[in-house]
Amino acid sequence: MNELPQDPMMLYSAVNMKLRDRYNSLDELCADLAIDRRELEKRLAEVGFEYSEKLNKFW
């Protein structure tokens, strides 16, 4: 996850921007960036965000 910001709010913003602009799913983003999906979801859940597959974003 070195390509993504460490700050949780910046991470939230960066991931949602990438999901909106480049990726059709969280799995696609994680595979392309070699990120552990569980780790990413855990980090964002710690600050109150969860991923919606229907909306393809964290909220």
Protein backbone atom coordinates (compact mmCIF):
# COMPACT_ATOMS: atom_id res chain seq x y z
CA MET A 1 0.00 0.00 0.00
CA ASN A 2 2.99 2.27 -0.45
CA GLU A 3 1.39 3.96 -3.47
CA LEU A 4 -1.53 5.18 -1.38
CA PRO A 5 -1.61 7.84 1.34
CA GLN A 6 -1.15 6.73 4.94
CA ASP A 7 -3.57 9.28 6.40
CA PRO A 8 -7.00 7.60 6.64
CA MET A 9 -8.97 10.51 5.17
CA MET A 10 -6.52 10.95 2.31
CA LEU A 11 -6.59 7.19 1.75
CA TYR A 12 -10.40 7.26 1.62
CA SER A 13 -10.34 10.07 -0.93
CA ALA A 14 -7.60 8.53 -3.09
CA VAL A 15 -9.22 5.09 -3.19
CA ASN A 16 -12.65 6.47 -4.06
CA MET A 17 -11.13 8.62 -6.80
CA LYS A 18 -9.37 5.59 -8.28
CA LEU A 19 -12.55 3.52 -8.06
CA ARG A 20 -14.52 6.26 -9.78
CA ASP A 21 -11.99 7.02 -12.51
CA ARG A 22 -10.17 3.75 -13.26
CA TYR A 23 -11.58 0.61 -11.68
CA ASN A 24 -14.89 -1.22 -11.89
CA SER A 25 -14.44 -2.94 -8.54
CA LEU A 26 -12.37 -2.97 -5.39
CA ASP A 27 -10.97 -6.36 -6.41
CA GLU A 28 -9.73 -4.87 -9.69
CA LEU A 29 -8.06 -1.95 -7.90
CA CYS A 30 -6.39 -4.24 -5.34
CA ALA A 31 -5.14 -6.65 -8.00
CA ASP A 32 -3.71 -3.86 -10.14
CA LEU A 33 -1.99 -2.10 -7.24
CA ALA A 34 -0.98 -5.34 -5.46
CA ILE A 35 -2.92 -4.38 -2.33
CA ASP A 36 -4.41 -6.75 0.21
CA ARG A 37 -8.14 -6.02 0.04
CA ARG A 38 -8.74 -7.14 3.63
CA GLU A 39 -6.03 -4.81 4.91
CA LEU A 40 -7.41 -1.86 2.95
CA GLU A 41 -10.97 -2.51 4.13
CA LYS A 42 -9.75 -2.91 7.71
CA ARG A 43 -7.83 0.38 7.63
CA LEU A 44 -10.84 2.25 6.30
CA ALA A 45 -13.27 0.48 8.63
CA GLU A 46 -11.19 1.69 11.59
CA VAL A 47 -12.25 5.25 10.72
CA GLY A 48 -15.85 4.37 9.93
CA PHE A 49 -15.92 3.61 6.19
CA GLU A 50 -17.20 0.48 4.48
CA TYR A 51 -17.12 -0.57 0.85
CA SER A 52 -20.32 -0.78 -1.17
CA GLU A 53 -20.04 -3.08 -4.18
CA LYS A 54 -23.29 -1.66 -5.54
CA LEU A 55 -21.93 1.89 -5.49
CA ASN A 56 -18.27 0.86 -6.03
CA LYS A 57 -17.05 3.21 -3.34
CA PHE A 58 -16.31 3.55 0.34
CA TRP A 59 -18.85 5.49 2.35
